[in-house]
């Protein structure tokens, strides 16, 4: 039996999965090491070691060797200048075929004897970036393979914006030909985490995060409306006012704060960049991390009921790996 491996390398974590020839997960390994550690340590050795350990751990788990591995597919920040091997971004619009053609086979013998197939990221623009156009620039590394996996579930011949909320929320534009046109990035999740755990509001929320189980729609909408009527900074401080003078609970406070920070994402969706080729507003598809996804859905239904919005549950458990497989098949690797 031949196996293949997928590597998803991010800012803070590296995840590897071993798959059999029926594309069933056999083993996985993870290290809390990413390109941030390369940046702080000023050496890539920490990342090389993490990937090597993950690969060897999975082989030992299944009692196999590298002779049993047909290919290693890698995507994410692992292809950045701080990753295992730097690949230039492709410039949107980009098709699945473009991504497959952009894959590069690179041997890294200090990690393992099997070459890696690296998948490039995508950026909005080519050419010179300066003070006059930098706001139009954005890029992704890793989300493009997730989009490849999601495309089969999206409406054909329809412009859409796919929202992948998380620590760094991505707003990815697809045209009617299902080409990835580009993206915008928001630090909404990271901002929320900082406010909840490392600000004066941490005593108000008791460092409790909103979760799918404790999500409070009414408080989330109140937080959004407060931010819209004043500002994010003022609304965030209002979390403390509500706690001190109205006695809201810690869970209510953290859901109010969730709505406050999600107002940033609603502002992004209202930008001209998300109007389609015909000037019409495209379909908004919400997927990814909860309760950010549900919060955005509830806010859009309240504030923009005329907008077409869909909640999308991915069919596959691991979109990143599935996207890697699709591209590898197009390229003829598997």
Protein backbone atom coordinates (compact mmCIF):
# COMPACT_ATOMS: atom_id res chain seq x y z
CA UNK A 1 0.00 0.00 0.00
CA UNK A 2 1.21 3.48 -0.90
CA UNK A 3 0.56 6.45 1.38
CA UNK A 4 0.68 10.22 0.93
CA UNK A 5 1.21 12.99 3.46
CA UNK A 6 -0.28 16.48 3.70
CA UNK A 7 1.49 19.25 5.58
CA UNK A 8 -0.40 22.36 6.71
CA UNK A 9 2.08 24.89 8.05
CA UNK A 10 0.78 28.07 9.68
CA UNK A 11 1.91 30.97 11.79
CA UNK A 12 1.79 29.10 15.11
CA UNK A 13 1.19 25.42 14.29
CA UNK A 14 2.36 22.70 11.93
CA UNK A 15 -0.04 19.84 11.19
CA UNK A 16 0.70 16.69 9.23
CA UNK A 17 -1.64 13.86 8.19
CA UNK A 18 -0.84 10.44 6.74
CA UNK A 19 -3.39 9.14 4.21
CA UNK A 20 -3.76 5.71 2.63
CA UNK A 21 -4.44 5.19 -1.07
CA UNK A 22 -8.20 5.41 -0.41
CA UNK A 23 -7.56 8.90 1.02
CA UNK A 24 -8.49 7.79 4.52
CA UNK A 25 -6.64 9.33 7.45
CA UNK A 26 -4.31 6.84 9.09
CA UNK A 27 -2.30 9.02 11.46
CA UNK A 28 -1.64 12.63 12.28
CA UNK A 29 0.93 14.66 14.19
CA UNK A 30 1.17 18.28 15.23
CA UNK A 31 3.67 20.67 16.78
CA UNK A 32 3.01 24.14 18.17
CA UNK A 33 5.69 25.53 15.91
CA UNK A 34 5.18 27.82 12.95
CA UNK A 35 6.77 30.67 11.07
CA UNK A 36 6.37 32.91 14.11
CA UNK A 37 8.94 30.75 15.85
CA UNK A 38 11.29 31.12 12.88
CA UNK A 39 10.91 34.89 13.09
CA UNK A 40 11.61 35.03 16.83
CA UNK A 41 14.47 32.50 16.83
CA UNK A 42 16.01 33.83 13.59
CA UNK A 43 16.55 30.27 12.34
CA UNK A 44 14.49 27.86 10.25
CA UNK A 45 15.94 24.90 12.11
CA UNK A 46 13.09 24.99 14.63
CA UNK A 47 10.57 24.51 11.81
CA UNK A 48 12.67 21.88 10.01
CA UNK A 49 12.88 19.91 13.25
CA UNK A 50 9.13 20.17 13.90
CA UNK A 51 8.22 18.87 10.44
CA UNK A 52 10.79 16.07 10.63
CA UNK A 53 9.47 14.95 14.03
CA UNK A 54 5.87 14.98 12.82
CA UNK A 55 6.66 12.88 9.76
CA UNK A 56 8.69 10.32 11.70
CA UNK A 57 6.04 10.10 14.41
CA UNK A 58 3.37 9.15 11.86
CA UNK A 59 5.58 6.58 10.15
CA UNK A 60 6.37 4.98 13.49
CA UNK A 61 2.68 4.94 14.37
CA UNK A 62 1.86 2.94 11.23
CA UNK A 63 5.11 0.91 11.25
CA UNK A 64 6.02 2.00 7.74
CA UNK A 65 9.03 3.74 6.13
CA UNK A 66 9.55 6.54 3.61
CA UNK A 67 9.62 3.88 0.87
CA UNK A 68 5.87 3.59 1.45
CA UNK A 69 5.25 7.31 0.85
CA UNK A 70 4.30 8.32 -2.71
CA UNK A 71 4.26 12.09 -2.15
CA UNK A 72 4.19 14.91 0.40
CA UNK A 73 1.84 17.84 -0.34
CA UNK A 74 2.48 21.08 1.55
CA UNK A 75 0.56 24.36 1.71
CA UNK A 76 0.19 27.40 3.92
CA UNK A 77 2.71 29.75 5.47
CA UNK A 78 5.25 26.97 5.10
CA UNK A 79 5.76 28.33 1.55
CA UNK A 80 6.62 31.85 2.78
CA UNK A 81 10.06 33.37 3.23
CA UNK A 82 10.02 32.07 6.82
CA UNK A 83 8.82 28.59 5.83
CA UNK A 84 10.49 25.47 4.47
CA UNK A 85 10.69 26.84 0.94
CA UNK A 86 9.57 30.19 -0.45
CA UNK A 87 7.21 30.21 -3.42
CA UNK A 88 6.12 33.44 -5.08
CA UNK A 89 2.40 34.17 -4.88
CA UNK A 90 0.37 33.73 -8.03
CA UNK A 91 -1.49 36.91 -9.03
CA UNK A 92 -5.29 36.69 -9.13
CA UNK A 93 -7.49 35.80 -10.84
CA UNK A 94 -6.30 32.20 -10.45
CA UNK A 95 -7.94 28.90 -11.44
CA UNK A 96 -7.45 25.46 -9.92
CA UNK A 97 -5.39 24.59 -12.97
CA UNK A 98 -3.16 27.62 -12.37
CA UNK A 99 -2.54 26.52 -8.80
CA UNK A 100 -1.76 22.97 -9.89
CA UNK A 101 0.65 24.23 -12.54
CA UNK A 102 2.34 26.43 -9.94
CA UNK A 103 3.17 23.54 -7.61
CA UNK A 104 6.91 22.94 -7.21
CA UNK A 105 8.71 19.72 -6.31
CA UNK A 106 11.52 20.43 -3.84
CA UNK A 107 13.85 17.99 -2.10
CA UNK A 108 14.79 18.79 1.50
CA UNK A 109 17.01 15.83 2.50
CA UNK A 110 17.68 17.19 5.98
CA UNK A 111 14.00 16.59 6.74
CA UNK A 112 13.25 13.40 4.78
CA UNK A 113 14.19 11.53 1.58
CA UNK A 114 10.81 12.16 -0.11
CA UNK A 115 10.50 15.47 -2.02
CA UNK A 116 7.82 17.98 -1.05
CA UNK A 117 5.24 19.33 -3.50
CA UNK A 118 4.67 22.94 -2.41
CA UNK A 119 1.49 24.79 -3.40
CA UNK A 120 1.75 28.55 -3.99
CA UNK A 121 -0.38 31.22 -2.36
CA UNK A 122 -2.28 34.00 -4.16
CA UNK A 123 -2.02 37.80 -4.03
CA UNK A 124 -4.36 40.47 -5.34
CA UNK A 125 -1.91 42.47 -7.44
CA UNK A 126 1.37 42.35 -9.25
CA UNK A 127 3.71 45.24 -9.89
CA UNK A 128 4.88 47.96 -7.53
CA UNK A 129 3.03 48.55 -4.26
CA UNK A 130 3.25 52.03 -2.75
CA UNK A 131 1.23 54.53 -0.70
CA UNK A 132 -1.21 55.04 -3.56
CA UNK A 133 -2.40 51.44 -3.95
CA UNK A 134 -1.37 49.39 -0.91
CA UNK A 135 -4.95 49.23 0.43
CA UNK A 136 -5.92 47.12 -2.59
CA UNK A 137 -3.19 44.58 -1.86
CA UNK A 138 -3.71 41.40 0.13
CA UNK A 139 -2.52 37.81 0.00
CA UNK A 140 -3.23 34.30 1.21
CA UNK A 141 -1.20 31.18 1.87
CA UNK A 142 -3.25 28.11 2.77
CA UNK A 143 -6.77 29.45 2.23
CA UNK A 144 -6.45 28.87 -1.52
CA UNK A 145 -6.42 25.09 -1.05
CA UNK A 146 -9.47 25.35 1.22
CA UNK A 147 -11.22 27.30 -1.52
CA UNK A 148 -10.38 24.59 -4.05
CA UNK A 149 -12.12 22.07 -1.78
CA UNK A 150 -15.16 24.34 -1.30
CA UNK A 151 -15.68 25.15 -4.97
CA UNK A 152 -17.69 22.00 -5.63
CA UNK A 153 -20.26 23.16 -3.06
CA UNK A 154 -20.61 26.69 -4.43
CA UNK A 155 -23.20 27.84 -6.94
CA UNK A 156 -21.80 27.69 -10.48
CA UNK A 157 -21.68 30.84 -12.65
CA UNK A 158 -22.16 33.03 -9.61
CA UNK A 159 -19.92 35.71 -8.16
CA UNK A 160 -19.49 35.24 -4.44
CA UNK A 161 -17.49 36.29 -1.43
CA UNK A 162 -16.49 33.36 0.77
CA UNK A 163 -15.86 34.38 4.38
CA UNK A 164 -13.49 32.20 6.40
CA UNK A 165 -13.63 33.67 9.92
CA UNK A 166 -10.94 32.96 12.48
CA UNK A 167 -7.93 34.61 14.09
CA UNK A 168 -7.21 36.17 10.70
CA UNK A 169 -10.53 36.25 8.85
CA UNK A 170 -10.31 35.98 5.07
CA UNK A 171 -12.81 37.41 2.60
CA UNK A 172 -12.14 35.63 -0.70
CA UNK A 173 -13.67 36.75 -3.99
CA UNK A 174 -14.67 34.27 -6.69
CA UNK A 175 -15.84 35.35 -10.13
CA UNK A 176 -18.43 33.64 -12.32
CA UNK A 177 -15.76 31.29 -13.70
CA UNK A 178 -14.86 30.17 -10.15
CA UNK A 179 -11.50 31.89 -10.36
CA UNK A 180 -10.01 33.17 -7.12
CA UNK A 181 -9.83 36.90 -7.81
CA UNK A 182 -8.24 37.95 -4.52
CA UNK A 183 -8.96 38.50 -0.86
CA UNK A 184 -9.08 40.89 2.05
CA UNK A 185 -7.82 40.00 5.53
CA UNK A 186 -9.15 41.16 8.88
CA UNK A 187 -7.57 40.66 12.31
CA UNK A 188 -11.04 40.33 13.87
CA UNK A 189 -10.40 37.09 15.76
CA UNK A 190 -7.03 38.22 17.04
CA UNK A 191 -8.48 41.58 18.12
CA UNK A 192 -11.28 39.78 19.95
CA UNK A 193 -8.79 37.51 21.74
CA UNK A 194 -6.64 40.46 22.80
CA UNK A 195 -9.62 42.36 24.19
CA UNK A 196 -10.97 39.31 26.05
CA UNK A 197 -7.68 38.18 27.59
CA UNK A 198 -5.22 41.05 27.59
CA UNK A 199 -7.07 44.34 28.16
CA UNK A 200 -9.03 46.09 30.89
CA UNK A 201 -12.02 44.09 29.65
CA UNK A 202 -10.49 40.78 30.77
CA UNK A 203 -11.97 41.31 34.24
CA UNK A 204 -15.36 41.95 32.64
CA UNK A 205 -15.32 38.79 30.51
CA UNK A 206 -13.26 36.76 33.01
CA UNK A 207 -11.30 35.74 29.88
CA UNK A 208 -14.26 33.66 28.69
CA UNK A 209 -14.70 33.40 24.91
CA UNK A 210 -17.94 33.12 22.99
CA UNK A 211 -18.45 29.53 21.85
CA UNK A 212 -21.10 27.66 19.84
CA UNK A 213 -22.55 26.49 23.18
CA UNK A 214 -22.77 29.88 24.92
CA UNK A 215 -23.44 32.08 21.88
CA UNK A 216 -25.99 34.82 22.67
CA UNK A 217 -27.54 36.29 19.55
CA UNK A 218 -29.17 39.28 21.25
CA UNK A 219 -25.95 40.41 22.96
CA UNK A 220 -23.92 39.93 19.79
CA UNK A 221 -26.39 42.10 17.84
CA UNK A 222 -26.36 44.72 20.59
CA UNK A 223 -22.57 44.86 20.43
CA UNK A 224 -22.69 45.29 16.66
CA UNK A 225 -25.32 48.06 16.79
CA UNK A 226 -23.37 49.90 19.51
CA UNK A 227 -20.17 49.82 17.43
CA UNK A 228 -22.02 50.95 14.32
CA UNK A 229 -23.59 53.91 16.14
CA UNK A 230 -20.36 55.03 17.86
CA UNK A 231 -17.03 53.30 17.14
CA UNK A 232 -15.30 50.00 17.85
CA UNK A 233 -13.17 51.55 20.61
CA UNK A 234 -16.12 53.20 22.36
CA UNK A 235 -18.34 50.13 21.98
CA UNK A 236 -15.61 47.89 23.36
CA UNK A 237 -15.32 50.02 26.48
CA UNK A 238 -19.11 49.91 26.78
CA UNK A 239 -18.72 46.23 27.66
CA UNK A 240 -17.33 47.38 31.00
CA UNK A 241 -20.12 49.91 31.46
CA UNK A 242 -22.75 47.25 30.88
CA UNK A 243 -21.10 44.88 33.35
CA UNK A 244 -20.67 47.50 36.09
CA UNK A 245 -24.02 49.26 35.82
CA UNK A 246 -26.50 46.75 34.41
CA UNK A 247 -25.03 43.53 35.82
CA UNK A 248 -24.74 41.52 32.61
CA UNK A 249 -23.04 38.17 33.00
CA UNK A 250 -19.52 37.35 31.81
CA UNK A 251 -20.95 35.28 28.97
CA UNK A 252 -23.25 38.12 27.93
CA UNK A 253 -20.27 40.50 28.07
CA UNK A 254 -18.08 38.34 25.83
CA UNK A 255 -20.91 37.95 23.29
CA UNK A 256 -21.45 41.72 23.28
CA UNK A 257 -17.74 42.14 22.59
CA UNK A 258 -17.96 39.57 19.78
CA UNK A 259 -20.57 41.72 18.06
CA UNK A 260 -18.39 44.79 18.52
CA UNK A 261 -15.39 43.30 16.71
CA UNK A 262 -17.55 41.69 14.01
CA UNK A 263 -18.63 45.18 13.01
CA UNK A 264 -15.19 45.46 11.37
CA UNK A 265 -16.02 42.57 9.07
CA UNK A 266 -19.38 44.04 8.12
CA UNK A 267 -17.57 47.22 7.11
CA UNK A 268 -15.32 45.16 4.84
CA UNK A 269 -18.30 43.52 3.16
CA UNK A 270 -19.72 46.96 2.37
CA UNK A 271 -16.61 48.05 0.49
CA UNK A 272 -16.65 48.56 -3.26
CA UNK A 273 -14.08 45.75 -3.62
CA UNK A 274 -16.86 43.25 -2.98
CA UNK A 275 -19.17 44.48 -5.71
CA UNK A 276 -19.19 42.12 -8.64
CA UNK A 277 -18.21 42.58 -12.26
CA UNK A 278 -21.67 43.90 -13.08
CA UNK A 279 -21.83 46.29 -10.13
CA UNK A 280 -24.19 43.94 -8.30
CA UNK A 281 -23.40 42.74 -4.80
CA UNK A 282 -22.29 39.09 -4.91
CA UNK A 283 -23.55 36.21 -2.84
CA UNK A 284 -21.98 36.05 0.62
CA UNK A 285 -21.00 32.53 1.72
CA UNK A 286 -20.15 32.10 5.40
CA UNK A 287 -18.15 29.08 6.47
CA UNK A 288 -15.40 28.30 8.98
CA UNK A 289 -15.09 28.93 12.69
CA UNK A 290 -18.05 29.30 15.04
CA UNK A 291 -19.51 31.40 16.58
CA UNK A 292 -17.94 34.01 14.28
CA UNK A 293 -19.81 32.52 11.34
CA UNK A 294 -23.19 32.55 13.11
CA UNK A 295 -22.58 36.04 14.47
CA UNK A 296 -21.87 37.41 10.99
CA UNK A 297 -24.96 35.66 9.65
CA UNK A 298 -27.23 37.11 12.33
CA UNK A 299 -25.79 40.60 11.85
CA UNK A 300 -26.22 40.50 8.07
CA UNK A 301 -29.80 39.26 8.41
CA UNK A 302 -30.52 42.16 10.77
CA UNK A 303 -28.65 44.95 9.00
CA UNK A 304 -28.75 43.92 5.34
CA UNK A 305 -31.76 41.62 4.86
CA UNK A 306 -31.66 42.28 1.11
CA UNK A 307 -28.20 40.69 0.79
CA UNK A 308 -28.05 37.06 -0.27
CA UNK A 309 -26.26 35.14 2.47
CA UNK A 310 -25.60 31.40 2.84
CA UNK A 311 -24.25 29.36 5.72
CA UNK A 312 -22.07 26.63 4.25
CA UNK A 313 -21.05 23.49 6.11
CA UNK A 314 -18.07 21.86 4.35
CA UNK A 315 -18.67 18.30 3.21
CA UNK A 316 -15.12 17.25 4.04
CA UNK A 317 -13.58 17.33 7.50
CA UNK A 318 -10.22 18.62 6.33
CA UNK A 319 -10.62 21.19 3.56
CA UNK A 320 -6.92 21.93 3.34
CA UNK A 321 -5.97 18.31 2.65
CA UNK A 322 -8.90 17.83 0.27
CA UNK A 323 -7.82 20.87 -1.73
CA UNK A 324 -4.27 19.50 -1.88
CA UNK A 325 -5.56 16.20 -3.25
CA UNK A 326 -7.63 17.93 -5.94
CA UNK A 327 -4.64 19.96 -7.11
CA UNK A 328 -2.34 16.92 -6.99
CA UNK A 329 -4.77 14.99 -9.19
CA UNK A 330 -4.94 17.86 -11.70
CA UNK A 331 -1.13 17.93 -11.77
CA UNK A 332 -0.94 14.15 -12.16
CA UNK A 333 0.97 13.61 -8.91
CA UNK A 334 -1.59 11.15 -7.53
